[in-house]
Amino acid sequence: MSGISDFRENPAFQAGLSQILDLTDVTEFERDFAKIMSLQATQVEALTGADAPAYFIFIAPNELTQAMANSALKSWREIDAVVPLVLNSLQDACDVLGLDISELADVPQKVT
């Protein structure tokens, strides 16, 4: 939740920016679907309101992180303003977004 708040308070924030959520380092997660849906609802405001859909990309390289991403993915299915994806690597996300991975150097890499 703090990461979403920080994102929305950033001076460069604008609605509709694509987001990458790297789950690579996740070793466990609480399967509280109500909390997951609540978190996703908070993100809707940040992702909607632009002329084109925003990508919300989960980096999920293993079974655990894919299960986590797929739990969250359910809440995005009915929202046309968001294109949710589950990918295996940051490089895959950059390929989808048409970015060179070096362009992410100034982006915060960890949210705790």
N, C-alpha and C. Protein backbone atom coordinates (compact mmCIF):
# COMPACT_ATOMS: atom_id res chain seq x y z
N MET A 1 0.83 -1.20 0.00
CA MET A 1 0.00 0.00 0.00
C MET A 1 0.86 1.25 0.00
N SER A 2 1.99 1.21 0.73
CA SER A 2 2.85 2.39 0.77
C SER A 2 3.48 2.64 -0.59
N GLY A 3 3.78 1.59 -1.33
CA GLY A 3 4.34 1.76 -2.67
C GLY A 3 3.37 2.44 -3.61
N ILE A 4 2.10 2.09 -3.51
CA ILE A 4 1.07 2.72 -4.35
C ILE A 4 0.93 4.18 -3.97
N SER A 5 0.92 4.46 -2.68
CA SER A 5 0.82 5.83 -2.21
C SER A 5 2.01 6.66 -2.68
N ASP A 6 3.22 6.12 -2.56
CA ASP A 6 4.42 6.82 -3.03
C ASP A 6 4.34 7.10 -4.52
N PHE A 7 3.87 6.12 -5.27
CA PHE A 7 3.73 6.26 -6.72
C PHE A 7 2.78 7.40 -7.06
N ARG A 8 1.64 7.46 -6.39
CA ARG A 8 0.64 8.48 -6.70
C ARG A 8 1.07 9.87 -6.24
N GLU A 9 1.96 9.95 -5.25
CA GLU A 9 2.42 11.25 -4.76
C GLU A 9 3.65 11.77 -5.50
N ASN A 10 4.23 10.95 -6.35
CA ASN A 10 5.41 11.35 -7.11
C ASN A 10 5.03 12.47 -8.08
N PRO A 11 5.85 13.54 -8.18
CA PRO A 11 5.53 14.64 -9.09
C PRO A 11 5.40 14.21 -10.55
N ALA A 12 6.01 13.12 -10.94
CA ALA A 12 5.93 12.65 -12.32
C ALA A 12 4.70 11.78 -12.57
N PHE A 13 3.91 11.53 -11.53
CA PHE A 13 2.74 10.68 -11.67
C PHE A 13 1.74 11.27 -12.64
N GLN A 14 1.18 10.40 -13.45
CA GLN A 14 0.01 10.74 -14.25
C GLN A 14 -0.83 9.47 -14.41
N ALA A 15 -2.13 9.65 -14.51
CA ALA A 15 -3.01 8.48 -14.64
C ALA A 15 -2.65 7.72 -15.90
N GLY A 16 -2.76 6.41 -15.82
CA GLY A 16 -2.55 5.58 -16.99
C GLY A 16 -1.13 5.12 -17.23
N LEU A 17 -0.22 5.41 -16.30
CA LEU A 17 1.15 4.92 -16.46
C LEU A 17 1.19 3.41 -16.26
N SER A 18 1.89 2.72 -17.11
CA SER A 18 2.06 1.28 -16.94
C SER A 18 2.92 1.01 -15.72
N GLN A 19 2.68 -0.15 -15.09
CA GLN A 19 3.43 -0.51 -13.89
C GLN A 19 3.98 -1.92 -14.03
N ILE A 20 5.14 -2.12 -13.43
CA ILE A 20 5.75 -3.44 -13.35
C ILE A 20 5.89 -3.77 -11.87
N LEU A 21 5.37 -4.92 -11.48
CA LEU A 21 5.50 -5.39 -10.11
C LEU A 21 6.32 -6.66 -10.14
N ASP A 22 7.55 -6.57 -9.66
CA ASP A 22 8.48 -7.69 -9.69
C ASP A 22 8.32 -8.52 -8.42
N LEU A 23 7.80 -9.72 -8.58
CA LEU A 23 7.56 -10.62 -7.45
C LEU A 23 8.69 -11.62 -7.25
N THR A 24 9.78 -11.46 -7.96
CA THR A 24 10.88 -12.41 -7.96
C THR A 24 11.34 -12.81 -6.57
N ASP A 25 11.45 -11.86 -5.65
CA ASP A 25 11.99 -12.14 -4.32
C ASP A 25 10.95 -12.61 -3.31
N VAL A 26 9.71 -12.76 -3.72
CA VAL A 26 8.66 -13.21 -2.81
C VAL A 26 8.89 -14.68 -2.46
N THR A 27 8.87 -14.98 -1.16
CA THR A 27 9.05 -16.37 -0.72
C THR A 27 7.77 -16.94 -0.12
N GLU A 28 6.83 -16.08 0.22
CA GLU A 28 5.52 -16.51 0.69
C GLU A 28 4.57 -15.33 0.64
N PHE A 29 3.29 -15.61 0.62
CA PHE A 29 2.31 -14.52 0.69
C PHE A 29 1.06 -15.02 1.37
N GLU A 30 0.37 -14.08 1.99
CA GLU A 30 -0.88 -14.39 2.68
C GLU A 30 -1.98 -14.45 1.63
N ARG A 31 -2.64 -15.55 1.56
CA ARG A 31 -3.69 -15.74 0.55
C ARG A 31 -5.02 -15.17 1.06
N ASP A 32 -4.99 -13.88 1.34
CA ASP A 32 -6.17 -13.18 1.81
C ASP A 32 -6.74 -12.43 0.61
N PHE A 33 -7.68 -13.06 -0.09
CA PHE A 33 -8.18 -12.51 -1.33
C PHE A 33 -8.90 -11.18 -1.13
N ALA A 34 -9.51 -10.97 0.03
CA ALA A 34 -10.16 -9.68 0.30
C ALA A 34 -9.12 -8.56 0.33
N LYS A 35 -7.96 -8.81 0.95
CA LYS A 35 -6.89 -7.79 0.99
C LYS A 35 -6.31 -7.57 -0.40
N ILE A 36 -6.14 -8.64 -1.15
CA ILE A 36 -5.60 -8.51 -2.51
C ILE A 36 -6.54 -7.67 -3.36
N MET A 37 -7.83 -7.93 -3.27
CA MET A 37 -8.82 -7.17 -4.05
C MET A 37 -8.85 -5.70 -3.61
N SER A 38 -8.71 -5.46 -2.31
CA SER A 38 -8.68 -4.10 -1.80
C SER A 38 -7.47 -3.34 -2.33
N LEU A 39 -6.33 -4.01 -2.33
CA LEU A 39 -5.11 -3.40 -2.86
C LEU A 39 -5.28 -3.07 -4.33
N GLN A 40 -5.84 -3.99 -5.09
CA GLN A 40 -6.06 -3.76 -6.51
C GLN A 40 -7.03 -2.59 -6.73
N ALA A 41 -8.05 -2.49 -5.91
CA ALA A 41 -9.02 -1.40 -6.05
C ALA A 41 -8.35 -0.05 -5.86
N THR A 42 -7.38 0.01 -4.96
CA THR A 42 -6.64 1.25 -4.74
C THR A 42 -5.84 1.63 -5.98
N GLN A 43 -5.36 0.64 -6.69
CA GLN A 43 -4.55 0.89 -7.87
C GLN A 43 -5.38 1.33 -9.07
N VAL A 44 -6.66 1.02 -9.08
CA VAL A 44 -7.50 1.37 -10.22
C VAL A 44 -7.42 2.86 -10.51
N GLU A 45 -7.47 3.68 -9.48
CA GLU A 45 -7.41 5.13 -9.68
C GLU A 45 -6.11 5.56 -10.35
N ALA A 46 -5.02 4.88 -10.01
CA ALA A 46 -3.72 5.25 -10.59
C ALA A 46 -3.59 4.78 -12.03
N LEU A 47 -4.29 3.74 -12.39
CA LEU A 47 -4.12 3.15 -13.72
C LEU A 47 -5.16 3.59 -14.74
N THR A 48 -6.25 4.16 -14.28
CA THR A 48 -7.31 4.53 -15.21
C THR A 48 -7.32 6.03 -15.46
N GLY A 49 -8.04 6.42 -16.48
CA GLY A 49 -8.20 7.84 -16.78
C GLY A 49 -7.37 8.32 -17.95
N ALA A 50 -6.65 7.43 -18.61
CA ALA A 50 -5.84 7.82 -19.76
C ALA A 50 -6.58 7.43 -21.04
N ASP A 51 -6.06 7.89 -22.17
CA ASP A 51 -6.67 7.59 -23.46
C ASP A 51 -6.48 6.14 -23.90
N ALA A 52 -5.41 5.52 -23.42
CA ALA A 52 -5.12 4.14 -23.80
C ALA A 52 -4.96 3.30 -22.55
N PRO A 53 -5.18 2.00 -22.67
CA PRO A 53 -5.01 1.13 -21.50
C PRO A 53 -3.57 1.13 -20.99
N ALA A 54 -3.43 0.98 -19.69
CA ALA A 54 -2.11 0.86 -19.06
C ALA A 54 -1.81 -0.61 -18.86
N TYR A 55 -0.54 -0.96 -18.97
CA TYR A 55 -0.11 -2.32 -18.66
C TYR A 55 0.17 -2.42 -17.17
N PHE A 56 -0.28 -3.50 -16.58
CA PHE A 56 0.08 -3.84 -15.21
C PHE A 56 0.73 -5.21 -15.29
N ILE A 57 2.05 -5.21 -15.20
CA ILE A 57 2.83 -6.42 -15.46
C ILE A 57 3.39 -6.99 -14.17
N PHE A 58 3.08 -8.24 -13.92
CA PHE A 58 3.64 -8.98 -12.80
C PHE A 58 4.81 -9.80 -13.32
N ILE A 59 5.98 -9.65 -12.70
CA ILE A 59 7.12 -10.51 -12.99
C ILE A 59 7.02 -11.67 -12.00
N ALA A 60 6.75 -12.85 -12.52
CA ALA A 60 6.49 -14.02 -11.67
C ALA A 60 7.23 -15.23 -12.25
N PRO A 61 8.47 -15.46 -11.80
CA PRO A 61 9.29 -16.49 -12.41
C PRO A 61 9.13 -17.91 -11.86
N ASN A 62 8.27 -18.10 -10.87
CA ASN A 62 8.13 -19.45 -10.31
C ASN A 62 6.67 -19.70 -9.92
N GLU A 63 6.40 -20.93 -9.49
CA GLU A 63 5.01 -21.31 -9.18
C GLU A 63 4.39 -20.45 -8.09
N LEU A 64 5.14 -20.15 -7.04
CA LEU A 64 4.61 -19.34 -5.95
C LEU A 64 4.23 -17.94 -6.43
N THR A 65 5.16 -17.30 -7.13
CA THR A 65 4.88 -15.93 -7.58
C THR A 65 3.81 -15.91 -8.66
N GLN A 66 3.73 -16.94 -9.46
CA GLN A 66 2.66 -17.02 -10.46
C GLN A 66 1.30 -17.18 -9.79
N ALA A 67 1.25 -17.95 -8.71
CA ALA A 67 0.00 -18.08 -7.94
C ALA A 67 -0.40 -16.74 -7.36
N MET A 68 0.57 -16.00 -6.84
CA MET A 68 0.29 -14.68 -6.27
C MET A 68 -0.23 -13.74 -7.35
N ALA A 69 0.46 -13.71 -8.48
CA ALA A 69 0.05 -12.83 -9.59
C ALA A 69 -1.33 -13.20 -10.11
N ASN A 70 -1.59 -14.48 -10.25
CA ASN A 70 -2.89 -14.92 -10.74
C ASN A 70 -4.02 -14.59 -9.77
N SER A 71 -3.73 -14.57 -8.48
CA SER A 71 -4.73 -14.14 -7.49
C SER A 71 -5.11 -12.68 -7.72
N ALA A 72 -4.12 -11.86 -7.96
CA ALA A 72 -4.36 -10.44 -8.20
C ALA A 72 -4.98 -10.19 -9.58
N LEU A 73 -4.61 -11.01 -10.54
CA LEU A 73 -5.08 -10.84 -11.91
C LEU A 73 -6.60 -10.88 -12.01
N LYS A 74 -7.22 -11.67 -11.16
CA LYS A 74 -8.67 -11.83 -11.20
C LYS A 74 -9.39 -10.49 -11.06
N SER A 75 -8.83 -9.58 -10.30
CA SER A 75 -9.51 -8.30 -10.07
C SER A 75 -9.37 -7.34 -11.25
N TRP A 76 -8.50 -7.63 -12.20
CA TRP A 76 -8.31 -6.74 -13.35
C TRP A 76 -9.09 -7.18 -14.57
N ARG A 77 -9.64 -8.35 -14.57
CA ARG A 77 -10.24 -8.92 -15.78
C ARG A 77 -11.37 -8.08 -16.37
N GLU A 78 -12.13 -7.41 -15.56
CA GLU A 78 -13.28 -6.65 -16.05
C GLU A 78 -12.99 -5.17 -16.26
N ILE A 79 -11.74 -4.77 -16.13
CA ILE A 79 -11.39 -3.35 -16.23
C ILE A 79 -10.68 -3.11 -17.57
N ASP A 80 -11.37 -2.45 -18.49
CA ASP A 80 -10.84 -2.23 -19.83
C ASP A 80 -9.63 -1.31 -19.86
N ALA A 81 -9.46 -0.49 -18.85
CA ALA A 81 -8.37 0.48 -18.83
C ALA A 81 -7.03 -0.13 -18.46
N VAL A 82 -7.02 -1.43 -18.15
CA VAL A 82 -5.80 -2.10 -17.70
C VAL A 82 -5.59 -3.38 -18.50
N VAL A 83 -4.34 -3.57 -18.93
CA VAL A 83 -3.94 -4.82 -19.58
C VAL A 83 -3.02 -5.54 -18.61
N PRO A 84 -3.56 -6.51 -17.86
CA PRO A 84 -2.72 -7.23 -16.90
C PRO A 84 -1.98 -8.38 -17.57
N LEU A 85 -0.72 -8.54 -17.23
CA LEU A 85 0.10 -9.63 -17.78
C LEU A 85 0.93 -10.26 -16.68
N VAL A 86 1.18 -11.55 -16.81
CA VAL A 86 2.10 -12.25 -15.93
C VAL A 86 3.24 -12.73 -16.82
N LEU A 87 4.45 -12.24 -16.54
CA LEU A 87 5.62 -12.59 -17.34
C LEU A 87 6.71 -13.18 -16.46
N ASN A 88 7.71 -13.80 -17.09
CA ASN A 88 8.76 -14.49 -16.35
C ASN A 88 9.93 -13.62 -15.94
N SER A 89 10.14 -12.48 -16.63
CA SER A 89 11.34 -11.69 -16.33
C SER A 89 11.12 -10.22 -16.62
N LEU A 90 12.00 -9.42 -16.04
CA LEU A 90 11.98 -7.98 -16.29
C LEU A 90 12.28 -7.70 -17.76
N GLN A 91 13.15 -8.48 -18.36
CA GLN A 91 13.44 -8.31 -19.78
C GLN A 91 12.19 -8.53 -20.62
N ASP A 92 11.39 -9.54 -20.26
CA ASP A 92 10.13 -9.78 -20.98
C ASP A 92 9.20 -8.57 -20.86
N ALA A 93 9.14 -7.96 -19.68
CA ALA A 93 8.30 -6.78 -19.47
C ALA A 93 8.79 -5.62 -20.33
N CYS A 94 10.10 -5.42 -20.37
CA CYS A 94 10.67 -4.35 -21.19
C CYS A 94 10.36 -4.58 -22.67
N ASP A 95 10.42 -5.82 -23.10
CA ASP A 95 10.10 -6.14 -24.49
C ASP A 95 8.65 -5.77 -24.81
N VAL A 96 7.72 -6.09 -23.91
CA VAL A 96 6.31 -5.77 -24.12
C VAL A 96 6.11 -4.25 -24.17
N LEU A 97 6.80 -3.52 -23.30
CA LEU A 97 6.64 -2.07 -23.22
C LEU A 97 7.49 -1.30 -24.23
N GLY A 98 8.34 -2.02 -24.97
CA GLY A 98 9.20 -1.36 -25.95
C GLY A 98 10.30 -0.54 -25.31
N LEU A 99 10.81 -1.01 -24.18
CA LEU A 99 11.86 -0.31 -23.45
C LEU A 99 13.16 -1.10 -23.49
N ASP A 100 14.27 -0.38 -23.36
CA ASP A 100 15.55 -1.02 -23.10
C ASP A 100 15.65 -1.12 -21.59
N ILE A 101 16.11 -2.24 -21.10
CA ILE A 101 16.16 -2.45 -19.64
C ILE A 101 16.97 -1.37 -18.94
N SER A 102 17.94 -0.75 -19.61
CA SER A 102 18.73 0.32 -19.00
C SER A 102 17.88 1.56 -18.70
N GLU A 103 16.75 1.70 -19.36
CA GLU A 103 15.86 2.84 -19.09
C GLU A 103 15.23 2.77 -17.71
N LEU A 104 15.30 1.62 -17.07
CA LEU A 104 14.72 1.46 -15.74
C LEU A 104 15.71 1.77 -14.63
N ALA A 105 16.90 2.19 -14.97
CA ALA A 105 17.96 2.43 -13.98
C ALA A 105 17.55 3.44 -12.91
N ASP A 106 16.78 4.45 -13.27
CA ASP A 106 16.40 5.49 -12.32
C ASP A 106 15.07 5.21 -11.62
N VAL A 107 14.46 4.09 -11.93
CA VAL A 107 13.18 3.73 -11.32
C VAL A 107 13.46 3.00 -10.02
N PRO A 108 12.76 3.33 -8.92
CA PRO A 108 12.95 2.57 -7.69
C PRO A 108 12.72 1.09 -7.92
N GLN A 109 13.64 0.27 -7.47
CA GLN A 109 13.58 -1.16 -7.74
C GLN A 109 12.94 -1.95 -6.61
N LYS A 110 12.91 -1.41 -5.41
CA LYS A 110 12.37 -2.15 -4.27
C LYS A 110 11.39 -1.28 -3.50
N VAL A 111 10.32 -1.88 -3.09
CA VAL A 111 9.38 -1.24 -2.18
C VAL A 111 9.24 -2.19 -1.01
N THR A 112 9.41 -1.67 0.20
CA THR A 112 9.31 -2.54 1.36
C THR A 112 8.11 -2.16 2.20
